[in-house]
Amino acid sequence: MTKSEFLKQYKGMLVGAIGVFIGFTFRNPVMFGVGFFLVCVGYILHMRAYIRYIYSDKIRAKNYEPDPIKRMLRNRK
């Protein structure tokens, strides 16, 4: 796991933790809703990064071109 992939997952967990903190610190229905929303957003961010990390090997393998000249020509924009 690269540092970038770890930080993307960590960002989702941090947003979820802030949501839990807000939801249980300010005990009224509006802030609980805001906290629940942040937990959902954090979960989505975390799982999206985690799923991309799991499938990154397959994505790299599919796009891998062993010949460096063909790879350079294909990646040229």
Protein backbone atom coordinates (compact mmCIF):
# COMPACT_ATOMS: atom_id res chain seq x y z
CA MET A 1 0.00 0.00 0.00
CA THR A 2 1.43 3.34 -1.00
CA LYS A 3 1.31 6.39 1.22
CA SER A 4 -1.27 8.00 -1.07
CA GLU A 5 -3.61 5.01 -0.86
CA PHE A 6 -3.26 4.89 2.91
CA LEU A 7 -4.01 8.61 3.26
CA LYS A 8 -7.14 8.28 1.11
CA GLN A 9 -8.45 5.52 3.38
CA TYR A 10 -7.40 7.46 6.48
CA LYS A 11 -9.27 10.55 5.27
CA GLY A 12 -12.51 8.57 5.12
CA MET A 13 -12.00 7.19 8.62
CA LEU A 14 -11.22 10.68 9.93
CA VAL A 15 -14.40 12.15 8.42
CA GLY A 16 -16.40 9.30 9.99
CA ALA A 17 -14.77 9.88 13.39
CA ILE A 18 -15.61 13.59 13.23
CA GLY A 19 -19.20 12.64 12.39
CA VAL A 20 -19.43 10.35 15.43
CA PHE A 21 -17.94 13.09 17.62
CA ILE A 22 -20.41 15.71 16.37
CA GLY A 23 -23.38 13.34 16.60
CA PHE A 24 -22.75 12.34 20.20
CA THR A 25 -21.33 15.60 21.57
CA PHE A 26 -24.17 17.89 20.51
CA ARG A 27 -27.21 15.86 21.49
CA ASN A 28 -29.96 17.32 19.40
CA PRO A 29 -31.57 15.75 16.33
CA VAL A 30 -30.11 18.20 13.82
CA MET A 31 -26.51 17.65 14.90
CA PHE A 32 -27.11 13.91 15.12
CA GLY A 33 -28.27 14.05 11.50
CA VAL A 34 -25.18 16.03 10.52
CA GLY A 35 -22.99 13.51 12.33
CA PHE A 36 -24.75 10.58 10.67
CA PHE A 37 -24.30 12.24 7.28
CA LEU A 38 -20.56 12.67 7.93
CA VAL A 39 -20.28 9.03 9.01
CA CYS A 40 -21.91 7.95 5.74
CA VAL A 41 -19.64 10.20 3.67
CA GLY A 42 -16.59 8.94 5.55
CA TYR A 43 -17.63 5.33 4.99
CA ILE A 44 -18.08 5.95 1.26
CA LEU A 45 -14.69 7.68 0.99
CA HIS A 46 -12.95 4.93 2.92
CA MET A 47 -14.53 2.03 1.03
CA ARG A 48 -13.95 3.66 -2.34
CA ALA A 49 -10.25 4.03 -1.57
CA TYR A 50 -10.09 0.51 -0.12
CA ILE A 51 -11.76 -1.07 -3.16
CA ARG A 52 -9.46 0.82 -5.50
CA TYR A 53 -6.51 -0.44 -3.47
CA ILE A 54 -7.73 -4.05 -3.75
CA TYR A 55 -8.31 -3.86 -7.51
CA SER A 56 -5.28 -1.69 -8.32
CA ASP A 57 -3.15 -4.76 -9.14
CA LYS A 58 -5.69 -5.96 -11.69
CA ILE A 59 -6.07 -2.48 -13.16
CA ARG A 60 -2.30 -2.11 -13.51
CA ALA A 61 -1.97 -5.59 -15.00
CA LYS A 62 -4.67 -4.88 -17.59
CA ASN A 63 -2.99 -1.64 -18.70
CA TYR A 64 0.54 -3.01 -18.54
CA GLU A 65 2.50 -2.90 -21.78
CA PRO A 66 5.85 -4.74 -21.58
CA ASP A 67 7.41 -2.96 -24.58
CA PRO A 68 8.56 0.51 -23.40
CA ILE A 69 8.32 2.07 -26.89
CA LYS A 70 4.72 0.94 -27.38
CA ARG A 71 3.91 2.09 -23.84
CA MET A 72 5.39 5.52 -24.55
CA LEU A 73 3.45 5.83 -27.81
CA ARG A 74 0.19 4.70 -26.18
CA ASN A 75 0.54 7.08 -23.22
CA ARG A 76 1.35 10.07 -25.45
CA LYS A 77 -1.45 12.58 -25.61
